Amino acid sequence: MRYLLISCLSQLAVEYGKNAIIVKVDTDDEYEFAHDMQVRGLPTLFFISPDPNKEAIRTEGLIPIQMMRDILDNEM
Protein backbone atom coordinates (compact mmCIF):
# COMPACT_ATOMS: atom_id res chain seq x y z
CA MET A 1 0.00 0.00 0.00
CA ARG A 2 2.79 2.44 0.92
CA TYR A 3 4.56 2.04 -2.42
CA LEU A 4 1.30 2.39 -4.33
CA LEU A 5 0.60 5.70 -2.58
CA ILE A 6 4.15 6.94 -3.19
CA SER A 7 3.78 6.04 -6.87
CA CYS A 8 0.44 7.88 -7.13
CA LEU A 9 1.79 10.99 -5.40
CA SER A 10 4.89 10.99 -7.61
CA GLN A 11 2.68 10.78 -10.68
CA LEU A 12 0.53 13.68 -9.44
CA ALA A 13 3.65 15.75 -8.73
CA VAL A 14 4.68 15.34 -12.36
CA GLU A 15 1.16 15.99 -13.71
CA TYR A 16 0.51 19.12 -11.65
CA GLY A 17 4.05 20.49 -11.55
CA LYS A 18 4.13 23.81 -9.70
CA ASN A 19 0.35 23.83 -9.32
CA ALA A 20 0.52 21.41 -6.41
CA ILE A 21 3.05 20.92 -3.65
CA ILE A 22 3.21 17.39 -2.29
CA VAL A 23 4.86 16.85 1.08
CA LYS A 24 5.36 13.52 2.85
CA VAL A 25 5.66 13.56 6.62
CA ASP A 26 6.99 10.57 8.57
CA THR A 27 4.62 10.37 11.52
CA ASP A 28 7.13 8.34 13.55
CA ASP A 29 9.70 11.14 13.28
CA GLU A 30 7.13 13.95 13.49
CA TYR A 31 4.91 12.60 16.25
CA GLU A 32 3.96 16.02 17.66
CA PHE A 33 2.97 17.32 14.23
CA ALA A 34 0.88 14.20 13.57
CA HIS A 35 -0.76 14.62 16.98
CA ASP A 36 -1.50 18.30 16.33
CA MET A 37 -3.04 17.40 12.96
CA GLN A 38 -5.07 14.62 14.63
CA VAL A 39 -3.71 11.89 12.38
CA ARG A 40 -5.40 8.70 13.54
CA GLY A 41 -4.99 6.41 10.56
CA LEU A 42 -2.49 6.02 7.77
CA PRO A 43 -2.31 7.18 5.15
CA THR A 44 -3.87 10.55 5.92
CA LEU A 45 -3.86 13.13 3.14
CA PHE A 46 -4.51 16.84 3.53
CA PHE A 47 -5.43 18.93 0.50
CA ILE A 48 -4.88 22.56 1.42
CA SER A 49 -5.95 25.28 -0.97
CA PRO A 50 -3.92 28.45 -1.44
CA ASP A 51 -7.28 30.23 -1.02
CA PRO A 52 -7.56 30.91 2.74
CA ASN A 53 -11.36 30.95 2.45
CA LYS A 54 -11.48 27.28 1.46
CA GLU A 55 -11.45 24.52 4.04
CA ALA A 56 -8.74 21.87 3.85
CA ILE A 57 -9.91 18.48 2.67
CA ARG A 58 -8.74 15.51 4.70
CA THR A 59 -8.86 11.86 3.69
CA GLU A 60 -7.86 8.76 5.63
CA GLY A 61 -6.98 5.47 4.01
CA LEU A 62 -5.86 4.82 0.48
CA ILE A 63 -7.99 6.63 -2.10
CA PRO A 64 -7.90 6.19 -5.88
CA ILE A 65 -5.63 8.51 -7.85
CA GLN A 66 -8.65 9.78 -9.81
CA MET A 67 -10.23 10.95 -6.55
CA MET A 68 -7.03 12.84 -5.75
CA ARG A 69 -7.15 14.46 -9.20
CA ASP A 70 -10.81 15.39 -8.69
CA ILE A 71 -10.00 17.08 -5.39
CA LEU A 72 -7.06 18.97 -6.90
CA ASP A 73 -9.04 19.99 -10.01
CA ASN A 74 -12.40 20.82 -8.46
CA GLU A 75 -11.89 21.68 -4.80
CA MET A 76 -8.63 23.60 -4.68
PDB file of N, CA and C in Angstrom:
ATOM      1  N   MET A   1       0.829  -1.188   0.000  1.00  0.00           N
ATOM      2  CA  MET A   1       0.000   0.000   0.000  1.00  0.00           C
ATOM      3  C   MET A   1       0.877   1.258   0.000  1.00  0.00           C
ATOM      4  N   ARG A   2       1.925   1.257   0.810  1.00  0.00           N
ATOM      5  CA  ARG A   2       2.786   2.438   0.915  1.00  0.00           C
ATOM      6  C   ARG A   2       3.402   2.791  -0.437  1.00  0.00           C
ATOM      7  N   TYR A   3       3.905   1.770  -1.137  1.00  0.00           N
ATOM      8  CA  TYR A   3       4.558   2.037  -2.416  1.00  0.00           C
ATOM      9  C   TYR A   3       3.563   2.472  -3.477  1.00  0.00           C
ATOM     10  N   LEU A   4       2.342   1.971  -3.402  1.00  0.00           N
ATOM     11  CA  LEU A   4       1.299   2.388  -4.330  1.00  0.00           C
ATOM     12  C   LEU A   4       0.994   3.876  -4.130  1.00  0.00           C
ATOM     13  N   LEU A   5       0.873   4.291  -2.876  1.00  0.00           N
ATOM     14  CA  LEU A   5       0.603   5.699  -2.585  1.00  0.00           C
ATOM     15  C   LEU A   5       1.760   6.584  -3.050  1.00  0.00           C
ATOM     16  N   ILE A   6       2.989   6.158  -2.770  1.00  0.00           N
ATOM     17  CA  ILE A   6       4.155   6.939  -3.191  1.00  0.00           C
ATOM     18  C   ILE A   6       4.173   7.074  -4.712  1.00  0.00           C
ATOM     19  N   SER A   7       3.836   6.010  -5.408  1.00  0.00           N
ATOM     20  CA  SER A   7       3.785   6.039  -6.866  1.00  0.00           C
ATOM     21  C   SER A   7       2.717   7.014  -7.355  1.00  0.00           C
ATOM     22  N   CYS A   8       1.538   6.970  -6.746  1.00  0.00           N
ATOM     23  CA  CYS A   8       0.444   7.881  -7.132  1.00  0.00           C
ATOM     24  C   CYS A   8       0.832   9.330  -6.876  1.00  0.00           C
ATOM     25  N   LEU A   9       1.407   9.611  -5.724  1.00  0.00           N
ATOM     26  CA  LEU A   9       1.786  10.986  -5.397  1.00  0.00           C
ATOM     27  C   LEU A   9       2.903  11.479  -6.303  1.00  0.00           C
ATOM     28  N   SER A  10       3.826  10.609  -6.665  1.00  0.00           N
ATOM     29  CA  SER A  10       4.892  10.990  -7.606  1.00  0.00           C
ATOM     30  C   SER A  10       4.300  11.326  -8.966  1.00  0.00           C
ATOM     31  N   GLN A  11       3.333  10.526  -9.400  1.00  0.00           N
ATOM     32  CA  GLN A  11       2.677  10.783 -10.684  1.00  0.00           C
ATOM     33  C   GLN A  11       1.941  12.119 -10.653  1.00  0.00           C
ATOM     34  N   LEU A  12       1.243  12.403  -9.560  1.00  0.00           N
ATOM     35  CA  LEU A  12       0.533  13.676  -9.437  1.00  0.00           C
ATOM     36  C   LEU A  12       1.502  14.849  -9.417  1.00  0.00           C
ATOM     37  N   ALA A  13       2.646  14.685  -8.768  1.00  0.00           N
ATOM     38  CA  ALA A  13       3.651  15.748  -8.725  1.00  0.00           C
ATOM     39  C   ALA A  13       4.115  16.103 -10.133  1.00  0.00           C
ATOM     40  N   VAL A  14       4.274  15.093 -10.976  1.00  0.00           N
ATOM     41  CA  VAL A  14       4.677  15.337 -12.364  1.00  0.00           C
ATOM     42  C   VAL A  14       3.526  15.992 -13.133  1.00  0.00           C
ATOM     43  N   GLU A  15       2.320  15.472 -12.979  1.00  0.00           N
ATOM     44  CA  GLU A  15       1.157  15.986 -13.710  1.00  0.00           C
ATOM     45  C   GLU A  15       0.852  17.443 -13.368  1.00  0.00           C
ATOM     46  N   TYR A  16       0.927  17.783 -12.092  1.00  0.00           N
ATOM     47  CA  TYR A  16       0.509  19.118 -11.652  1.00  0.00           C
ATOM     48  C   TYR A  16       1.665  20.099 -11.539  1.00  0.00           C
ATOM     49  N   GLY A  17       2.885  19.612 -11.584  1.00  0.00           N
ATOM     50  CA  GLY A  17       4.050  20.489 -11.549  1.00  0.00           C
ATOM     51  C   GLY A  17       3.992  21.481 -10.406  1.00  0.00           C
ATOM     52  N   LYS A  18       4.123  22.760 -10.729  1.00  0.00           N
ATOM     53  CA  LYS A  18       4.133  23.807  -9.701  1.00  0.00           C
ATOM     54  C   LYS A  18       2.739  24.157  -9.189  1.00  0.00           C
ATOM     55  N   ASN A  19       1.714  23.540  -9.756  1.00  0.00           N
ATOM     56  CA  ASN A  19       0.345  23.835  -9.319  1.00  0.00           C
ATOM     57  C   ASN A  19      -0.055  23.062  -8.067  1.00  0.00           C
ATOM     58  N   ALA A  20       0.789  22.150  -7.635  1.00  0.00           N
ATOM     59  CA  ALA A  20       0.518  21.405  -6.406  1.00  0.00           C
ATOM     60  C   ALA A  20       1.840  21.099  -5.725  1.00  0.00           C
ATOM     61  N   ILE A  21       1.864  21.256  -4.436  1.00  0.00           N
ATOM     62  CA  ILE A  21       3.047  20.918  -3.647  1.00  0.00           C
ATOM     63  C   ILE A  21       2.694  19.687  -2.828  1.00  0.00           C
ATOM     64  N   ILE A  22       3.478  18.645  -2.992  1.00  0.00           N
ATOM     65  CA  ILE A  22       3.213  17.390  -2.285  1.00  0.00           C
ATOM     66  C   ILE A  22       4.322  17.191  -1.265  1.00  0.00           C
ATOM     67  N   VAL A  23       3.917  17.000  -0.014  1.00  0.00           N
ATOM     68  CA  VAL A  23       4.864  16.853   1.084  1.00  0.00           C
ATOM     69  C   VAL A  23       4.535  15.562   1.820  1.00  0.00           C
ATOM     70  N   LYS A  24       5.548  14.741   2.072  1.00  0.00           N
ATOM     71  CA  LYS A  24       5.365  13.521   2.847  1.00  0.00           C
ATOM     72  C   LYS A  24       5.968  13.757   4.229  1.00  0.00           C
ATOM     73  N   VAL A  25       5.203  13.398   5.250  1.00  0.00           N
ATOM     74  CA  VAL A  25       5.664  13.558   6.624  1.00  0.00           C
ATOM     75  C   VAL A  25       5.707  12.181   7.277  1.00  0.00           C
ATOM     76  N   ASP A  26       6.844  11.830   7.841  1.00  0.00           N
ATOM     77  CA  ASP A  26       6.988  10.569   8.571  1.00  0.00           C
ATOM     78  C   ASP A  26       6.426  10.773   9.973  1.00  0.00           C
ATOM     79  N   THR A  27       5.299  10.148  10.242  1.00  0.00           N
ATOM     80  CA  THR A  27       4.619  10.368  11.524  1.00  0.00           C
ATOM     81  C   THR A  27       5.391   9.788  12.704  1.00  0.00           C
ATOM     82  N   ASP A  28       6.299   8.837  12.454  1.00  0.00           N
ATOM     83  CA  ASP A  28       7.135   8.337  13.547  1.00  0.00           C
ATOM     84  C   ASP A  28       8.149   9.390  13.967  1.00  0.00           C
ATOM     85  N   ASP A  29       8.716  10.094  12.980  1.00  0.00           N
ATOM     86  CA  ASP A  29       9.700  11.136  13.281  1.00  0.00           C
ATOM     87  C   ASP A  29       9.037  12.435  13.721  1.00  0.00           C
ATOM     88  N   GLU A  30       7.839  12.682  13.217  1.00  0.00           N
ATOM     89  CA  GLU A  30       7.127  13.945  13.489  1.00  0.00           C
ATOM     90  C   GLU A  30       5.867  13.678  14.299  1.00  0.00           C
ATOM     91  N   TYR A  31       6.047  13.005  15.429  1.00  0.00           N
ATOM     92  CA  TYR A  31       4.912  12.601  16.253  1.00  0.00           C
ATOM     93  C   TYR A  31       4.076  13.793  16.707  1.00  0.00           C
ATOM     94  N   GLU A  32       4.710  14.856  17.157  1.00  0.00           N
ATOM     95  CA  GLU A  32       3.957  16.016  17.657  1.00  0.00           C
ATOM     96  C   GLU A  32       3.126  16.654  16.551  1.00  0.00           C
ATOM     97  N   PHE A  33       3.704  16.770  15.364  1.00  0.00           N
ATOM     98  CA  PHE A  33       2.975  17.322  14.228  1.00  0.00           C
ATOM     99  C   PHE A  33       1.761  16.439  13.909  1.00  0.00           C
ATOM    100  N   ALA A  34       1.977  15.132  13.859  1.00  0.00           N
ATOM    101  CA  ALA A  34       0.882  14.202  13.575  1.00  0.00           C
ATOM    102  C   ALA A  34      -0.204  14.306  14.651  1.00  0.00           C
ATOM    103  N   HIS A  35       0.203  14.466  15.882  1.00  0.00           N
ATOM    104  CA  HIS A  35      -0.758  14.619  16.977  1.00  0.00           C
ATOM    105  C   HIS A  35      -1.543  15.915  16.819  1.00  0.00           C
ATOM    106  N   ASP A  36      -0.843  17.005  16.514  1.00  0.00           N
ATOM    107  CA  ASP A  36      -1.503  18.299  16.333  1.00  0.00           C
ATOM    108  C   ASP A  36      -2.494  18.268  15.171  1.00  0.00           C
ATOM    109  N   MET A  37      -2.173  17.504  14.132  1.00  0.00           N
ATOM    110  CA  MET A  37      -3.037  17.404  12.955  1.00  0.00           C
ATOM    111  C   MET A  37      -4.102  16.307  13.121  1.00  0.00           C
ATOM    112  N   GLN A  38      -4.100  15.666  14.284  1.00  0.00           N
ATOM    113  CA  GLN A  38      -5.072  14.621  14.630  1.00  0.00           C
ATOM    114  C   GLN A  38      -5.054  13.458  13.637  1.00  0.00           C
ATOM    115  N   VAL A  39      -3.855  13.051  13.262  1.00  0.00           N
ATOM    116  CA  VAL A  39      -3.707  11.895  12.381  1.00  0.00           C
ATOM    117  C   VAL A  39      -3.979  10.644  13.208  1.00  0.00           C
ATOM    118  N   ARG A  40      -5.008   9.909  12.817  1.00  0.00           N
ATOM    119  CA  ARG A  40      -5.404   8.703  13.542  1.00  0.00           C
ATOM    120  C   ARG A  40      -5.124   7.433  12.737  1.00  0.00           C
ATOM    121  N   GLY A  41      -5.214   7.561  11.422  1.00  0.00           N
ATOM    122  CA  GLY A  41      -4.987   6.409  10.558  1.00  0.00           C
ATOM    123  C   GLY A  41      -4.058   6.789   9.429  1.00  0.00           C
ATOM    124  N   LEU A  42      -3.417   5.785   8.874  1.00  0.00           N
ATOM    125  CA  LEU A  42      -2.493   6.019   7.774  1.00  0.00           C
ATOM    126  C   LEU A  42      -2.953   5.258   6.548  1.00  0.00           C
ATOM    127  N   PRO A  43      -2.794   5.820   5.390  1.00  0.00           N
ATOM    128  CA  PRO A  43      -2.306   7.177   5.154  1.00  0.00           C
ATOM    129  C   PRO A  43      -3.389   8.218   5.396  1.00  0.00           C
ATOM    130  N   THR A  44      -2.984   9.388   5.811  1.00  0.00           N
ATOM    131  CA  THR A  44      -3.868  10.549   5.921  1.00  0.00           C
ATOM    132  C   THR A  44      -3.343  11.602   4.950  1.00  0.00           C
ATOM    133  N   LEU A  45      -4.228  12.097   4.101  1.00  0.00           N
ATOM    134  CA  LEU A  45      -3.855  13.133   3.138  1.00  0.00           C
ATOM    135  C   LEU A  45      -4.603  14.413   3.468  1.00  0.00           C
ATOM    136  N   PHE A  46      -3.899  15.534   3.371  1.00  0.00           N
ATOM    137  CA  PHE A  46      -4.510  16.844   3.527  1.00  0.00           C
ATOM    138  C   PHE A  46      -4.353  17.584   2.209  1.00  0.00           C
ATOM    139  N   PHE A  47      -5.446  18.096   1.693  1.00  0.00           N
ATOM    140  CA  PHE A  47      -5.433  18.925   0.496  1.00  0.00           C
ATOM    141  C   PHE A  47      -5.739  20.342   0.970  1.00  0.00           C
ATOM    142  N   ILE A  48      -4.755  21.214   0.887  1.00  0.00           N
ATOM    143  CA  ILE A  48      -4.883  22.561   1.424  1.00  0.00           C
ATOM    144  C   ILE A  48      -4.810  23.552   0.266  1.00  0.00           C
ATOM    145  N   SER A  49      -5.864  24.316   0.113  1.00  0.00           N
ATOM    146  CA  SER A  49      -5.955  25.283  -0.972  1.00  0.00           C
ATOM    147  C   SER A  49      -5.123  26.524  -0.656  1.00  0.00           C
ATOM    148  N   PRO A  50      -4.584  27.165  -1.683  1.00  0.00           N
ATOM    149  CA  PRO A  50      -3.921  28.453  -1.444  1.00  0.00           C
ATOM    150  C   PRO A  50      -4.929  29.546  -1.098  1.00  0.00           C
ATOM    151  N   ASP A  51      -6.210  29.285  -1.358  1.00  0.00           N
ATOM    152  CA  ASP A  51      -7.279  30.229  -1.021  1.00  0.00           C
ATOM    153  C   ASP A  51      -7.624  30.061   0.458  1.00  0.00           C
ATOM    154  N   PRO A  52      -7.318  31.050   1.295  1.00  0.00           N
ATOM    155  CA  PRO A  52      -7.560  30.907   2.737  1.00  0.00           C
ATOM    156  C   PRO A  52      -9.041  30.774   3.097  1.00  0.00           C
ATOM    157  N   ASN A  53      -9.934  31.070   2.176  1.00  0.00           N
ATOM    158  CA  ASN A  53     -11.362  30.948   2.450  1.00  0.00           C
ATOM    159  C   ASN A  53     -11.882  29.530   2.254  1.00  0.00           C
ATOM    160  N   LYS A  54     -11.059  28.664   1.676  1.00  0.00           N
ATOM    161  CA  LYS A  54     -11.477  27.281   1.456  1.00  0.00           C
ATOM    162  C   LYS A  54     -10.972  26.397   2.578  1.00  0.00           C
ATOM    163  N   GLU A  55     -11.823  25.492   3.007  1.00  0.00           N
ATOM    164  CA  GLU A  55     -11.454  24.524   4.040  1.00  0.00           C
ATOM    165  C   GLU A  55     -10.514  23.469   3.459  1.00  0.00           C
ATOM    166  N   ALA A  56      -9.591  22.985   4.269  1.00  0.00           N
ATOM    167  CA  ALA A  56      -8.736  21.874   3.854  1.00  0.00           C
ATOM    168  C   ALA A  56      -9.595  20.616   3.744  1.00  0.00           C
ATOM    169  N   ILE A  57      -9.223  19.768   2.827  1.00  0.00           N
ATOM    170  CA  ILE A  57      -9.908  18.482   2.666  1.00  0.00           C
ATOM    171  C   ILE A  57      -8.973  17.413   3.209  1.00  0.00           C
ATOM    172  N   ARG A  58      -9.520  16.550   4.042  1.00  0.00           N
ATOM    173  CA  ARG A  58      -8.736  15.507   4.698  1.00  0.00           C
ATOM    174  C   ARG A  58      -9.306  14.159   4.308  1.00  0.00           C
ATOM    175  N   THR A  59      -8.428  13.228   3.963  1.00  0.00           N
ATOM    176  CA  THR A  59      -8.856  11.860   3.689  1.00  0.00           C
ATOM    177  C   THR A  59      -8.014  10.913   4.524  1.00  0.00           C
ATOM    178  N   GLU A  60      -8.597   9.808   4.924  1.00  0.00           N
ATOM    179  CA  GLU A  60      -7.859   8.765   5.628  1.00  0.00           C
ATOM    180  C   GLU A  60      -8.032   7.467   4.871  1.00  0.00           C
ATOM    181  N   GLY A  61      -6.955   6.711   4.770  1.00  0.00           N
ATOM    182  CA  GLY A  61      -6.983   5.475   4.007  1.00  0.00           C
ATOM    183  C   GLY A  61      -6.583   5.751   2.563  1.00  0.00           C
ATOM    184  N   LEU A  62      -6.284   4.693   1.866  1.00  0.00           N
ATOM    185  CA  LEU A  62      -5.859   4.815   0.476  1.00  0.00           C
ATOM    186  C   LEU A  62      -7.056   5.178  -0.388  1.00  0.00           C
ATOM    187  N   ILE A  63      -6.925   6.228  -1.185  1.00  0.00           N
ATOM    188  CA  ILE A  63      -7.993   6.627  -2.105  1.00  0.00           C
ATOM    189  C   ILE A  63      -7.461   6.528  -3.529  1.00  0.00           C
ATOM    190  N   PRO A  64      -8.351   6.316  -4.494  1.00  0.00           N
ATOM    191  CA  PRO A  64      -7.901   6.194  -5.884  1.00  0.00           C
ATOM    192  C   PRO A  64      -7.265   7.490  -6.395  1.00  0.00           C
ATOM    193  N   ILE A  65      -6.315   7.341  -7.308  1.00  0.00           N
ATOM    194  CA  ILE A  65      -5.629   8.512  -7.854  1.00  0.00           C
ATOM    195  C   ILE A  65      -6.615   9.449  -8.539  1.00  0.00           C
ATOM    196  N   GLN A  66      -7.668   8.910  -9.149  1.00  0.00           N
ATOM    197  CA  GLN A  66      -8.651   9.783  -9.809  1.00  0.00           C
ATOM    198  C   GLN A  66      -9.375  10.660  -8.791  1.00  0.00           C
ATOM    199  N   MET A  67      -9.602  10.142  -7.599  1.00  0.00           N
ATOM    200  CA  MET A  67     -10.230  10.949  -6.548  1.00  0.00           C
ATOM    201  C   MET A  67      -9.294  12.086  -6.130  1.00  0.00           C
ATOM    202  N   MET A  68      -8.006  11.793  -6.075  1.00  0.00           N
ATOM    203  CA  MET A  68      -7.034  12.839  -5.755  1.00  0.00           C
ATOM    204  C   MET A  68      -7.052  13.918  -6.837  1.00  0.00           C
ATOM    205  N   ARG A  69      -7.085  13.493  -8.095  1.00  0.00           N
ATOM    206  CA  ARG A  69      -7.148  14.456  -9.202  1.00  0.00           C
ATOM    207  C   ARG A  69      -8.423  15.306  -9.100  1.00  0.00           C
ATOM    208  N   ASP A  70      -9.546  14.665  -8.807  1.00  0.00           N
ATOM    209  CA  ASP A  70     -10.808  15.395  -8.695  1.00  0.00           C
ATOM    210  C   ASP A  70     -10.739  16.451  -7.603  1.00  0.00           C
ATOM    211  N   ILE A  71     -10.150  16.099  -6.476  1.00  0.00           N
ATOM    212  CA  ILE A  71     -10.004  17.084  -5.386  1.00  0.00           C
ATOM    213  C   ILE A  71      -9.114  18.234  -5.847  1.00  0.00           C
ATOM    214  N   LEU A  72      -7.976  17.924  -6.452  1.00  0.00           N
ATOM    215  CA  LEU A  72      -7.064  18.974  -6.903  1.00  0.00           C
ATOM    216  C   LEU A  72      -7.707  19.851  -7.985  1.00  0.00           C
ATOM    217  N   ASP A  73      -8.431  19.239  -8.896  1.00  0.00           N
ATOM    218  CA  ASP A  73      -9.038  19.992 -10.015  1.00  0.00           C
ATOM    219  C   ASP A  73     -10.272  20.789  -9.612  1.00  0.00           C
ATOM    220  N   ASN A  74     -11.075  20.242  -8.720  1.00  0.00           N
ATOM    221  CA  ASN A  74     -12.397  20.825  -8.457  1.00  0.00           C
ATOM    222  C   ASN A  74     -12.538  21.508  -7.098  1.00  0.00           C
ATOM    223  N   GLU A  75     -11.698  21.165  -6.153  1.00  0.00           N
ATOM    224  CA  GLU A  75     -11.890  21.675  -4.795  1.00  0.00           C
ATOM    225  C   GLU A  75     -10.814  22.671  -4.362  1.00  0.00           C
ATOM    226  N   MET A  76      -9.729  22.726  -5.079  1.00  0.00           N
ATOM    227  CA  MET A  76      -8.635  23.599  -4.685  1.00  0.00           C
ATOM    228  C   MET A  76      -8.746  24.879  -5.480  1.00  0.00           C
TER     229      MET A  76
END
